[in-house]
Amino acid sequence: MDRKTHAEAAELHENLDYIGLRAQATSVGLVQLCAELVAAGVLDDAAMERVKQAIRADILVSRRVHDRAGFAELLKERLDAIFPQPGNPCAHGRIGTAGEMETALAPRA
């Protein structure tokens, strides 16, 4: 991520955190909204990728992890699993357990 993109993601992260839009309910609403927009044909593959990229950028700004590249790939896989896919807006795959996520975030020796 280049400096400008990082700075923009950091600013957006701070603003969202300040107004309290960090709740799971907001995330669930976003996933449902995307599913509705995909089903209606409003969002295509490129648009969904931009939505997921914005989410990834914010999470990567806010996390300090040892294996940044590995975490970024795991994060991409999980976002791909929970967000709708064009052609099948209701399909959701397995995203793993909280324990698996904690393991992925843990610093490696």
PDB file of N, CA and C in Angstrom:
ATOM      1  N   MET A   1       0.855  -1.165   0.000  1.00  0.00           N
ATOM      2  CA  MET A   1       0.000   0.000   0.000  1.00  0.00           C
ATOM      3  C   MET A   1       0.901   1.227   0.000  1.00  0.00           C
ATOM      4  N   ASP A   2       0.657   2.155  -0.929  1.00  0.00           N
ATOM      5  CA  ASP A   2       1.486   3.350  -0.997  1.00  0.00           C
ATOM      6  C   ASP A   2       1.137   4.316   0.137  1.00  0.00           C
ATOM      7  N   ARG A   3       1.968   5.333   0.312  1.00  0.00           N
ATOM      8  CA  ARG A   3       1.789   6.271   1.440  1.00  0.00           C
ATOM      9  C   ARG A   3       0.452   7.004   1.396  1.00  0.00           C
ATOM     10  N   LYS A   4       0.055   7.445   0.201  1.00  0.00           N
ATOM     11  CA  LYS A   4      -1.200   8.194   0.074  1.00  0.00           C
ATOM     12  C   LYS A   4      -2.387   7.308   0.451  1.00  0.00           C
ATOM     13  N   THR A   5      -2.399   6.087  -0.060  1.00  0.00           N
ATOM     14  CA  THR A   5      -3.489   5.155   0.253  1.00  0.00           C
ATOM     15  C   THR A   5      -3.506   4.844   1.737  1.00  0.00           C
ATOM     16  N   HIS A   6      -2.307   4.649   2.320  1.00  0.00           N
ATOM     17  CA  HIS A   6      -2.204   4.365   3.756  1.00  0.00           C
ATOM     18  C   HIS A   6      -2.740   5.542   4.571  1.00  0.00           C
ATOM     19  N   ALA A   7      -2.359   6.758   4.203  1.00  0.00           N
ATOM     20  CA  ALA A   7      -2.817   7.947   4.925  1.00  0.00           C
ATOM     21  C   ALA A   7      -4.335   8.107   4.826  1.00  0.00           C
ATOM     22  N   GLU A   8      -4.883   7.864   3.641  1.00  0.00           N
ATOM     23  CA  GLU A   8      -6.335   7.970   3.463  1.00  0.00           C
ATOM     24  C   GLU A   8      -7.061   6.911   4.291  1.00  0.00           C
ATOM     25  N   ALA A   9      -6.529   5.681   4.297  1.00  0.00           N
ATOM     26  CA  ALA A   9      -7.142   4.607   5.083  1.00  0.00           C
ATOM     27  C   ALA A   9      -7.065   4.909   6.577  1.00  0.00           C
ATOM     28  N   ALA A  10      -5.939   5.457   7.016  1.00  0.00           N
ATOM     29  CA  ALA A  10      -5.772   5.798   8.433  1.00  0.00           C
ATOM     30  C   ALA A  10      -6.762   6.886   8.854  1.00  0.00           C
ATOM     31  N   GLU A  11      -6.946   7.889   8.006  1.00  0.00           N
ATOM     32  CA  GLU A  11      -7.883   8.959   8.322  1.00  0.00           C
ATOM     33  C   GLU A  11      -9.321   8.437   8.380  1.00  0.00           C
ATOM     34  N   LEU A  12      -9.692   7.623   7.413  1.00  0.00           N
ATOM     35  CA  LEU A  12     -11.032   7.045   7.413  1.00  0.00           C
ATOM     36  C   LEU A  12     -11.233   6.175   8.645  1.00  0.00           C
ATOM     37  N   HIS A  13     -10.232   5.371   8.997  1.00  0.00           N
ATOM     38  CA  HIS A  13     -10.298   4.518  10.188  1.00  0.00           C
ATOM     39  C   HIS A  13     -10.559   5.358  11.440  1.00  0.00           C
ATOM     40  N   GLU A  14      -9.820   6.427  11.603  1.00  0.00           N
ATOM     41  CA  GLU A  14      -9.999   7.295  12.769  1.00  0.00           C
ATOM     42  C   GLU A  14     -11.393   7.905  12.807  1.00  0.00           C
ATOM     43  N   ASN A  15     -11.889   8.354  11.657  1.00  0.00           N
ATOM     44  CA  ASN A  15     -13.220   8.961  11.603  1.00  0.00           C
ATOM     45  C   ASN A  15     -14.309   7.947  11.931  1.00  0.00           C
ATOM     46  N   LEU A  16     -14.211   6.745  11.382  1.00  0.00           N
ATOM     47  CA  LEU A  16     -15.211   5.714  11.664  1.00  0.00           C
ATOM     48  C   LEU A  16     -15.178   5.304  13.130  1.00  0.00           C
ATOM     49  N   ASP A  17     -13.981   5.175  13.670  1.00  0.00           N
ATOM     50  CA  ASP A  17     -13.842   4.814  15.078  1.00  0.00           C
ATOM     51  C   ASP A  17     -14.445   5.899  15.971  1.00  0.00           C
ATOM     52  N   TYR A  18     -14.212   7.149  15.626  1.00  0.00           N
ATOM     53  CA  TYR A  18     -14.717   8.282  16.410  1.00  0.00           C
ATOM     54  C   TYR A  18     -16.241   8.288  16.485  1.00  0.00           C
ATOM     55  N   ILE A  19     -16.904   7.980  15.367  1.00  0.00           N
ATOM     56  CA  ILE A  19     -18.373   8.029  15.392  1.00  0.00           C
ATOM     57  C   ILE A  19     -19.003   6.684  15.757  1.00  0.00           C
ATOM     58  N   GLY A  20     -18.172   5.674  16.039  1.00  0.00           N
ATOM     59  CA  GLY A  20     -18.694   4.423  16.558  1.00  0.00           C
ATOM     60  C   GLY A  20     -19.167   3.415  15.528  1.00  0.00           C
ATOM     61  N   LEU A  21     -18.728   3.531  14.283  1.00  0.00           N
ATOM     62  CA  LEU A  21     -19.154   2.577  13.264  1.00  0.00           C
ATOM     63  C   LEU A  21     -18.215   1.380  13.177  1.00  0.00           C
ATOM     64  N   ARG A  22     -17.843   0.851  14.306  1.00  0.00           N
ATOM     65  CA  ARG A  22     -16.966  -0.306  14.365  1.00  0.00           C
ATOM     66  C   ARG A  22     -17.724  -1.542  14.840  1.00  0.00           C
ATOM     67  N   ALA A  23     -18.995  -1.463  14.966  1.00  0.00           N
ATOM     68  CA  ALA A  23     -19.783  -2.556  15.538  1.00  0.00           C
ATOM     69  C   ALA A  23     -20.031  -3.664  14.529  1.00  0.00           C
ATOM     70  N   GLN A  24     -20.220  -4.867  15.039  1.00  0.00           N
ATOM     71  CA  GLN A  24     -20.543  -5.998  14.175  1.00  0.00           C
ATOM     72  C   GLN A  24     -21.843  -5.763  13.425  1.00  0.00           C
ATOM     73  N   ALA A  25     -22.778  -5.099  14.043  1.00  0.00           N
ATOM     74  CA  ALA A  25     -24.053  -4.838  13.379  1.00  0.00           C
ATOM     75  C   ALA A  25     -23.856  -4.026  12.105  1.00  0.00           C
ATOM     76  N   THR A  26     -22.942  -3.087  12.138  1.00  0.00           N
ATOM     77  CA  THR A  26     -22.650  -2.300  10.954  1.00  0.00           C
ATOM     78  C   THR A  26     -22.054  -3.188   9.867  1.00  0.00           C
ATOM     79  N   SER A  27     -21.186  -4.092  10.252  1.00  0.00           N
ATOM     80  CA  SER A  27     -20.579  -5.009   9.291  1.00  0.00           C
ATOM     81  C   SER A  27     -21.619  -5.929   8.669  1.00  0.00           C
ATOM     82  N   VAL A  28     -22.503  -6.455   9.487  1.00  0.00           N
ATOM     83  CA  VAL A  28     -23.562  -7.330   8.982  1.00  0.00           C
ATOM     84  C   VAL A  28     -24.447  -6.560   8.009  1.00  0.00           C
ATOM     85  N   GLY A  29     -24.752  -5.324   8.344  1.00  0.00           N
ATOM     86  CA  GLY A  29     -25.545  -4.487   7.450  1.00  0.00           C
ATOM     87  C   GLY A  29     -24.844  -4.245   6.127  1.00  0.00           C
ATOM     88  N   LEU A  30     -23.535  -4.044   6.167  1.00  0.00           N
ATOM     89  CA  LEU A  30     -22.770  -3.836   4.948  1.00  0.00           C
ATOM     90  C   LEU A  30     -22.785  -5.085   4.072  1.00  0.00           C
ATOM     91  N   VAL A  31     -22.582  -6.252   4.667  1.00  0.00           N
ATOM     92  CA  VAL A  31     -22.609  -7.503   3.901  1.00  0.00           C
ATOM     93  C   VAL A  31     -23.977  -7.683   3.259  1.00  0.00           C
ATOM     94  N   GLN A  32     -25.046  -7.428   4.019  1.00  0.00           N
ATOM     95  CA  GLN A  32     -26.403  -7.571   3.473  1.00  0.00           C
ATOM     96  C   GLN A  32     -26.659  -6.552   2.363  1.00  0.00           C
ATOM     97  N   LEU A  33     -26.226  -5.326   2.559  1.00  0.00           N
ATOM     98  CA  LEU A  33     -26.391  -4.302   1.532  1.00  0.00           C
ATOM     99  C   LEU A  33     -25.681  -4.717   0.243  1.00  0.00           C
ATOM    100  N   CYS A  34     -24.466  -5.210   0.371  1.00  0.00           N
ATOM    101  CA  CYS A  34     -23.732  -5.669  -0.809  1.00  0.00           C
ATOM    102  C   CYS A  34     -24.462  -6.820  -1.489  1.00  0.00           C
ATOM    103  N   ALA A  35     -24.998  -7.760  -0.701  1.00  0.00           N
ATOM    104  CA  ALA A  35     -25.750  -8.878  -1.278  1.00  0.00           C
ATOM    105  C   ALA A  35     -26.956  -8.368  -2.061  1.00  0.00           C
ATOM    106  N   GLU A  36     -27.647  -7.382  -1.511  1.00  0.00           N
ATOM    107  CA  GLU A  36     -28.811  -6.823  -2.194  1.00  0.00           C
ATOM    108  C   GLU A  36     -28.394  -6.118  -3.491  1.00  0.00           C
ATOM    109  N   LEU A  37     -27.301  -5.378  -3.442  1.00  0.00           N
ATOM    110  CA  LEU A  37     -26.836  -4.653  -4.632  1.00  0.00           C
ATOM    111  C   LEU A  37     -26.302  -5.600  -5.711  1.00  0.00           C
ATOM    112  N   VAL A  38     -25.658  -6.685  -5.291  1.00  0.00           N
ATOM    113  CA  VAL A  38     -25.208  -7.686  -6.263  1.00  0.00           C
ATOM    114  C   VAL A  38     -26.413  -8.367  -6.904  1.00  0.00           C
ATOM    115  N   ALA A  39     -27.384  -8.744  -6.078  1.00  0.00           N
ATOM    116  CA  ALA A  39     -28.588  -9.409  -6.585  1.00  0.00           C
ATOM    117  C   ALA A  39     -29.344  -8.518  -7.565  1.00  0.00           C
ATOM    118  N   ALA A  40     -29.330  -7.214  -7.323  1.00  0.00           N
ATOM    119  CA  ALA A  40     -30.022  -6.266  -8.206  1.00  0.00           C
ATOM    120  C   ALA A  40     -29.189  -5.913  -9.438  1.00  0.00           C
ATOM    121  N   GLY A  41     -27.959  -6.409  -9.492  1.00  0.00           N
ATOM    122  CA  GLY A  41     -27.102  -6.125 -10.632  1.00  0.00           C
ATOM    123  C   GLY A  41     -26.433  -4.764 -10.579  1.00  0.00           C
ATOM    124  N   VAL A  42     -26.483  -4.124  -9.426  1.00  0.00           N
ATOM    125  CA  VAL A  42     -25.883  -2.794  -9.278  1.00  0.00           C
ATOM    126  C   VAL A  42     -24.367  -2.896  -9.070  1.00  0.00           C
ATOM    127  N   LEU A  43     -23.925  -3.899  -8.301  1.00  0.00           N
ATOM    128  CA  LEU A  43     -22.495  -4.102  -8.062  1.00  0.00           C
ATOM    129  C   LEU A  43     -21.991  -5.254  -8.915  1.00  0.00           C
ATOM    130  N   ASP A  44     -20.878  -5.035  -9.611  1.00  0.00           N
ATOM    131  CA  ASP A  44     -20.255  -6.097 -10.380  1.00  0.00           C
ATOM    132  C   ASP A  44     -18.982  -6.559  -9.659  1.00  0.00           C
ATOM    133  N   ASP A  45     -18.231  -7.449 -10.297  1.00  0.00           N
ATOM    134  CA  ASP A  45     -17.002  -7.968  -9.688  1.00  0.00           C
ATOM    135  C   ASP A  45     -16.038  -6.855  -9.284  1.00  0.00           C
ATOM    136  N   ALA A  46     -15.831  -5.908 -10.179  1.00  0.00           N
ATOM    137  CA  ALA A  46     -14.871  -4.829  -9.904  1.00  0.00           C
ATOM    138  C   ALA A  46     -15.317  -3.974  -8.717  1.00  0.00           C
ATOM    139  N   ALA A  47     -16.602  -3.690  -8.640  1.00  0.00           N
ATOM    140  CA  ALA A  47     -17.121  -2.885  -7.530  1.00  0.00           C
ATOM    141  C   ALA A  47     -16.970  -3.626  -6.199  1.00  0.00           C
ATOM    142  N   MET A  48     -17.277  -4.927  -6.191  1.00  0.00           N
ATOM    143  CA  MET A  48     -17.127  -5.702  -4.952  1.00  0.00           C
ATOM    144  C   MET A  48     -15.660  -5.764  -4.543  1.00  0.00           C
ATOM    145  N   GLU A  49     -14.764  -5.888  -5.505  1.00  0.00           N
ATOM    146  CA  GLU A  49     -13.334  -5.898  -5.176  1.00  0.00           C
ATOM    147  C   GLU A  49     -12.912  -4.578  -4.549  1.00  0.00           C
ATOM    148  N   ARG A  50     -13.441  -3.465  -5.046  1.00  0.00           N
ATOM    149  CA  ARG A  50     -13.103  -2.156  -4.457  1.00  0.00           C
ATOM    150  C   ARG A  50     -13.641  -2.039  -3.037  1.00  0.00           C
ATOM    151  N   VAL A  51     -14.826  -2.561  -2.786  1.00  0.00           N
ATOM    152  CA  VAL A  51     -15.393  -2.553  -1.430  1.00  0.00           C
ATOM    153  C   VAL A  51     -14.499  -3.365  -0.497  1.00  0.00           C
ATOM    154  N   LYS A  52     -14.147  -4.570  -0.918  1.00  0.00           N
ATOM    155  CA  LYS A  52     -13.304  -5.428  -0.073  1.00  0.00           C
ATOM    156  C   LYS A  52     -11.912  -4.836   0.105  1.00  0.00           C
ATOM    157  N   GLN A  53     -11.378  -4.194  -0.924  1.00  0.00           N
ATOM    158  CA  GLN A  53     -10.051  -3.568  -0.812  1.00  0.00           C
ATOM    159  C   GLN A  53     -10.083  -2.429   0.209  1.00  0.00           C
ATOM    160  N   ALA A  54     -11.143  -1.662   0.233  1.00  0.00           N
ATOM    161  CA  ALA A  54     -11.268  -0.579   1.220  1.00  0.00           C
ATOM    162  C   ALA A  54     -11.296  -1.153   2.634  1.00  0.00           C
ATOM    163  N   ILE A  55     -11.994  -2.252   2.823  1.00  0.00           N
ATOM    164  CA  ILE A  55     -12.047  -2.900   4.137  1.00  0.00           C
ATOM    165  C   ILE A  55     -10.677  -3.440   4.511  1.00  0.00           C
ATOM    166  N   ARG A  56     -10.025  -4.133   3.566  1.00  0.00           N
ATOM    167  CA  ARG A  56      -8.682  -4.670   3.834  1.00  0.00           C
ATOM    168  C   ARG A  56      -7.715  -3.556   4.209  1.00  0.00           C
ATOM    169  N   ALA A  57      -7.754  -2.451   3.482  1.00  0.00           N
ATOM    170  CA  ALA A  57      -6.837  -1.338   3.766  1.00  0.00           C
ATOM    171  C   ALA A  57      -7.034  -0.822   5.180  1.00  0.00           C
ATOM    172  N   ASP A  58      -8.290  -0.692   5.615  1.00  0.00           N
ATOM    173  CA  ASP A  58      -8.548  -0.199   6.966  1.00  0.00           C
ATOM    174  C   ASP A  58      -8.058  -1.183   8.016  1.00  0.00           C
ATOM    175  N   ILE A  59      -8.314  -2.457   7.811  1.00  0.00           N
ATOM    176  CA  ILE A  59      -7.889  -3.455   8.799  1.00  0.00           C
ATOM    177  C   ILE A  59      -6.367  -3.530   8.846  1.00  0.00           C
ATOM    178  N   LEU A  60      -5.712  -3.489   7.705  1.00  0.00           N
ATOM    179  CA  LEU A  60      -4.249  -3.551   7.697  1.00  0.00           C
ATOM    180  C   LEU A  60      -3.615  -2.340   8.356  1.00  0.00           C
ATOM    181  N   VAL A  61      -4.272  -1.184   8.281  1.00  0.00           N
ATOM    182  CA  VAL A  61      -3.780   0.015   8.953  1.00  0.00           C
ATOM    183  C   VAL A  61      -3.872  -0.145  10.469  1.00  0.00           C
ATOM    184  N   SER A  62      -4.920  -0.826  10.929  1.00  0.00           N
ATOM    185  CA  SER A  62      -5.179  -0.888  12.364  1.00  0.00           C
ATOM    186  C   SER A  62      -4.524  -2.074  13.066  1.00  0.00           C
ATOM    187  N   ARG A  63      -3.952  -3.011  12.340  1.00  0.00           N
ATOM    188  CA  ARG A  63      -3.363  -4.210  12.940  1.00  0.00           C
ATOM    189  C   ARG A  63      -1.851  -4.179  12.873  1.00  0.00           C
ATOM    190  N   ARG A  64      -1.252  -4.608  13.948  1.00  0.00           N
ATOM    191  CA  ARG A  64       0.192  -4.784  13.970  1.00  0.00           C
ATOM    192  C   ARG A  64       0.431  -6.291  14.055  1.00  0.00           C
ATOM    193  N   VAL A  65       0.870  -6.857  12.956  1.00  0.00           N
ATOM    194  CA  VAL A  65       1.096  -8.295  12.906  1.00  0.00           C
ATOM    195  C   VAL A  65       2.503  -8.577  12.395  1.00  0.00           C
ATOM    196  N   HIS A  66       3.019  -9.710  12.828  1.00  0.00           N
ATOM    197  CA  HIS A  66       4.381 -10.095  12.441  1.00  0.00           C
ATOM    198  C   HIS A  66       4.449 -10.462  10.962  1.00  0.00           C
ATOM    199  N   ASP A  67       3.547 -11.312  10.514  1.00  0.00           N
ATOM    200  CA  ASP A  67       3.526 -11.766   9.123  1.00  0.00           C
ATOM    201  C   ASP A  67       2.459 -10.981   8.365  1.00  0.00           C
ATOM    202  N   ARG A  68       2.786  -9.751   8.000  1.00  0.00           N
ATOM    203  CA  ARG A  68       1.825  -8.848   7.355  1.00  0.00           C
ATOM    204  C   ARG A  68       1.298  -9.426   6.036  1.00  0.00           C
ATOM    205  N   ALA A  69       2.169  -9.997   5.228  1.00  0.00           N
ATOM    206  CA  ALA A  69       1.744 -10.552   3.938  1.00  0.00           C
ATOM    207  C   ALA A  69       0.810 -11.747   4.159  1.00  0.00           C
ATOM    208  N   GLY A  70       1.159 -12.602   5.100  1.00  0.00           N
ATOM    209  CA  GLY A  70       0.309 -13.757   5.407  1.00  0.00           C
ATOM    210  C   GLY A  70      -1.036 -13.322   5.947  1.00  0.00           C
ATOM    211  N   PHE A  71      -1.029 -12.327   6.828  1.00  0.00           N
ATOM    212  CA  PHE A  71      -2.289 -11.822   7.375  1.00  0.00           C
ATOM    213  C   PHE A  71      -3.132 -11.193   6.278  1.00  0.00           C
ATOM    214  N   ALA A  72      -2.504 -10.440   5.382  1.00  0.00           N
ATOM    215  CA  ALA A  72      -3.234  -9.792   4.291  1.00  0.00           C
ATOM    216  C   ALA A  72      -3.911 -10.838   3.406  1.00  0.00           C
ATOM    217  N   GLU A  73      -3.221 -11.936   3.137  1.00  0.00           N
ATOM    218  CA  GLU A  73      -3.800 -13.001   2.309  1.00  0.00           C
ATOM    219  C   GLU A  73      -4.950 -13.692   3.041  1.00  0.00           C
ATOM    220  N   LEU A  74      -4.771 -13.977   4.331  1.00  0.00           N
ATOM    221  CA  LEU A  74      -5.844 -14.592   5.125  1.00  0.00           C
ATOM    222  C   LEU A  74      -7.056 -13.672   5.171  1.00  0.00           C
ATOM    223  N   LEU A  75      -6.823 -12.397   5.343  1.00  0.00           N
ATOM    224  CA  LEU A  75      -7.897 -11.417   5.391  1.00  0.00           C
ATOM    225  C   LEU A  75      -8.650 -11.393   4.061  1.00  0.00           C
ATOM    226  N   LYS A  76      -7.914 -11.418   2.959  1.00  0.00           N
ATOM    227  CA  LYS A  76      -8.548 -11.448   1.634  1.00  0.00           C
ATOM    228  C   LYS A  76      -9.431 -12.681   1.487  1.00  0.00           C
ATOM    229  N   GLU A  77      -8.921 -13.837   1.882  1.00  0.00           N
ATOM    230  CA  GLU A  77      -9.697 -15.074   1.785  1.00  0.00           C
ATOM    231  C   GLU A  77     -10.979 -14.989   2.609  1.00  0.00           C
ATOM    232  N   ARG A  78     -10.881 -14.442   3.804  1.00  0.00           N
ATOM    233  CA  ARG A  78     -12.056 -14.352   4.675  1.00  0.00           C
ATOM    234  C   ARG A  78     -13.086 -13.354   4.134  1.00  0.00           C
ATOM    235  N   LEU A  79     -12.623 -12.234   3.622  1.00  0.00           N
ATOM    236  CA  LEU A  79     -13.556 -11.276   3.025  1.00  0.00           C
ATOM    237  C   LEU A  79     -14.224 -11.869   1.790  1.00  0.00           C
ATOM    238  N   ASP A  80     -13.450 -12.583   0.978  1.00  0.00           N
ATOM    239  CA  ASP A  80     -14.026 -13.243  -0.194  1.00  0.00           C
ATOM    240  C   ASP A  80     -15.099 -14.249   0.227  1.00  0.00           C
ATOM    241  N   ALA A  81     -14.888 -14.893   1.373  1.00  0.00           N
ATOM    242  CA  ALA A  81     -15.832 -15.908   1.842  1.00  0.00           C
ATOM    243  C   ALA A  81     -17.138 -15.314   2.361  1.00  0.00           C
ATOM    244  N   ILE A  82     -17.096 -14.133   2.962  1.00  0.00           N
ATOM    245  CA  ILE A  82     -18.325 -13.606   3.563  1.00  0.00           C
ATOM    246  C   ILE A  82     -19.094 -12.637   2.677  1.00  0.00           C
ATOM    247  N   PHE A  83     -18.414 -12.026   1.704  1.00  0.00           N
ATOM    248  CA  PHE A  83     -19.116 -11.089   0.829  1.00  0.00           C
ATOM    249  C   PHE A  83     -19.714 -11.824  -0.362  1.00  0.00           C
ATOM    250  N   PRO A  84     -20.827 -11.300  -0.879  1.00  0.00           N
ATOM    251  CA  PRO A  84     -21.488 -11.965  -2.001  1.00  0.00           C
ATOM    252  C   PRO A  84     -20.635 -11.947  -3.257  1.00  0.00           C
ATOM    253  N   GLN A  85     -20.848 -12.971  -4.053  1.00  0.00           N
ATOM    254  CA  GLN A  85     -20.170 -13.068  -5.342  1.00  0.00           C
ATOM    255  C   GLN A  85     -21.188 -12.782  -6.439  1.00  0.00           C
ATOM    256  N   PRO A  86     -20.831 -12.007  -7.449  1.00  0.00           N
ATOM    257  CA  PRO A  86     -21.760 -11.798  -8.555  1.00  0.00           C
ATOM    258  C   PRO A  86     -22.194 -13.156  -9.126  1.00  0.00           C
ATOM    259  N   GLY A  87     -23.477 -13.287  -9.408  1.00  0.00           N
ATOM    260  CA  GLY A  87     -24.021 -14.546  -9.894  1.00  0.00           C
ATOM    261  C   GLY A  87     -24.564 -15.416  -8.775  1.00  0.00           C
ATOM    262  N   ASN A  88     -24.079 -15.229  -7.555  1.00  0.00           N
ATOM    263  CA  ASN A  88     -24.559 -16.001  -6.413  1.00  0.00           C
ATOM    264  C   ASN A  88     -24.462 -15.139  -5.161  1.00  0.00           C
ATOM    265  N   PRO A  89     -25.323 -14.126  -5.039  1.00  0.00           N
ATOM    266  CA  PRO A  89     -25.204 -13.155  -3.949  1.00  0.00           C
ATOM    267  C   PRO A  89     -25.458 -13.723  -2.559  1.00  0.00           C
ATOM    268  N   CYS A  90     -26.024 -14.915  -2.465  1.00  0.00           N
ATOM    269  CA  CYS A  90     -26.316 -15.478  -1.146  1.00  0.00           C
ATOM    270  C   CYS A  90     -25.276 -16.484  -0.687  1.00  0.00           C
ATOM    271  N   ALA A  91     -24.312 -16.828  -1.538  1.00  0.00           N
ATOM    272  CA  ALA A  91     -23.317 -17.844  -1.186  1.00  0.00           C
ATOM    273  C   ALA A  91     -22.303 -17.278  -0.195  1.00  0.00           C
ATOM    274  N   HIS A  92     -22.132 -17.985   0.882  1.00  0.00           N
ATOM    275  CA  HIS A  92     -21.137 -17.620   1.885  1.00  0.00           C
ATOM    276  C   HIS A  92     -20.342 -18.871   2.221  1.00  0.00           C
ATOM    277  N   GLY A  93     -19.049 -18.745   2.256  1.00  0.00           N
ATOM    278  CA  GLY A  93     -18.198 -19.880   2.584  1.00  0.00           C
ATOM    279  C   GLY A  93     -17.779 -19.854   4.035  1.00  0.00           C
ATOM    280  N   ARG A  94     -17.025 -20.875   4.421  1.00  0.00           N
ATOM    281  CA  ARG A  94     -16.524 -20.977   5.783  1.00  0.00           C
ATOM    282  C   ARG A  94     -15.434 -19.926   5.967  1.00  0.00           C
ATOM    283  N   ILE A  95     -15.504 -19.183   7.051  1.00  0.00           N
ATOM    284  CA  ILE A  95     -14.493 -18.146   7.288  1.00  0.00           C
ATOM    285  C   ILE A  95     -13.557 -18.494   8.432  1.00  0.00           C
ATOM    286  N   GLY A  96     -13.767 -19.614   9.078  1.00  0.00           N
ATOM    287  CA  GLY A  96     -12.867 -20.016  10.153  1.00  0.00           C
ATOM    288  C   GLY A  96     -13.362 -19.555  11.505  1.00  0.00           C
ATOM    289  N   THR A  97     -12.661 -20.008  12.529  1.00  0.00           N
ATOM    290  CA  THR A  97     -13.043 -19.703  13.897  1.00  0.00           C
ATOM    291  C   THR A  97     -12.262 -18.506  14.422  1.00  0.00           C
ATOM    292  N   ALA A  98     -12.715 -17.974  15.543  1.00  0.00           N
ATOM    293  CA  ALA A  98     -11.990 -16.880  16.189  1.00  0.00           C
ATOM    294  C   ALA A  98     -10.601 -17.356  16.607  1.00  0.00           C
ATOM    295  N   GLY A  99     -10.502 -18.601  17.044  1.00  0.00           N
ATOM    296  CA  GLY A  99      -9.209 -19.164  17.436  1.00  0.00           C
ATOM    297  C   GLY A  99      -8.228 -19.205  16.279  1.00  0.00           C
ATOM    298  N   GLU A 100      -8.715 -19.582  15.097  1.00  0.00           N
ATOM    299  CA  GLU A 100      -7.856 -19.602  13.913  1.00  0.00           C
ATOM    300  C   GLU A 100      -7.367 -18.192  13.579  1.00  0.00           C
ATOM    301  N   MET A 101      -8.232 -17.210  13.740  1.00  0.00           N
ATOM    302  CA  MET A 101      -7.837 -15.828  13.478  1.00  0.00           C
ATOM    303  C   MET A 101      -6.806 -15.377  14.498  1.00  0.00           C
ATOM    304  N   GLU A 102      -6.993 -15.720  15.772  1.00  0.00           N
ATOM    305  CA  GLU A 102      -6.018 -15.357  16.799  1.00  0.00           C
ATOM    306  C   GLU A 102      -4.663 -15.980  16.511  1.00  0.00           C
ATOM    307  N   THR A 103      -4.676 -17.231  16.064  1.00  0.00           N
ATOM    308  CA  THR A 103      -3.438 -17.905  15.718  1.00  0.00           C
ATOM    309  C   THR A 103      -2.730 -17.184  14.578  1.00  0.00           C
ATOM    310  N   ALA A 104      -3.495 -16.769  13.583  1.00  0.00           N
ATOM    311  CA  ALA A 104      -2.927 -16.060  12.437  1.00  0.00           C
ATOM    312  C   ALA A 104      -2.342 -14.707  12.855  1.00  0.00           C
ATOM    313  N   LEU A 105      -2.937 -14.079  13.869  1.00  0.00           N
ATOM    314  CA  LEU A 105      -2.479 -12.764  14.321  1.00  0.00           C
ATOM    315  C   LEU A 105      -1.307 -12.844  15.286  1.00  0.00           C
ATOM    316  N   ALA A 106      -1.100 -13.992  15.906  1.00  0.00           N
ATOM    317  CA  ALA A 106      -0.064 -14.134  16.934  1.00  0.00           C
ATOM    318  C   ALA A 106       1.315 -13.967  16.330  1.00  0.00           C
ATOM    319  N   PRO A 107       2.190 -13.239  17.030  1.00  0.00           N
ATOM    320  CA  PRO A 107       3.579 -13.115  16.552  1.00  0.00           C
ATOM    321  C   PRO A 107       4.246 -14.485  16.527  1.00  0.00           C
ATOM    322  N   ARG A 108       5.023 -14.717  15.492  1.00  0.00           N
ATOM    323  CA  ARG A 108       5.716 -15.998  15.370  1.00  0.00           C
ATOM    324  C   ARG A 108       7.119 -15.852  15.921  1.00  0.00           C
ATOM    325  N   ALA A 109       7.574 -16.909  16.577  1.00  0.00           N
ATOM    326  CA  ALA A 109       8.912 -16.890  17.172  1.00  0.00           C
ATOM    327  C   ALA A 109       9.992 -17.150  16.151  1.00  0.00           C
TER     328      ALA A 109
END
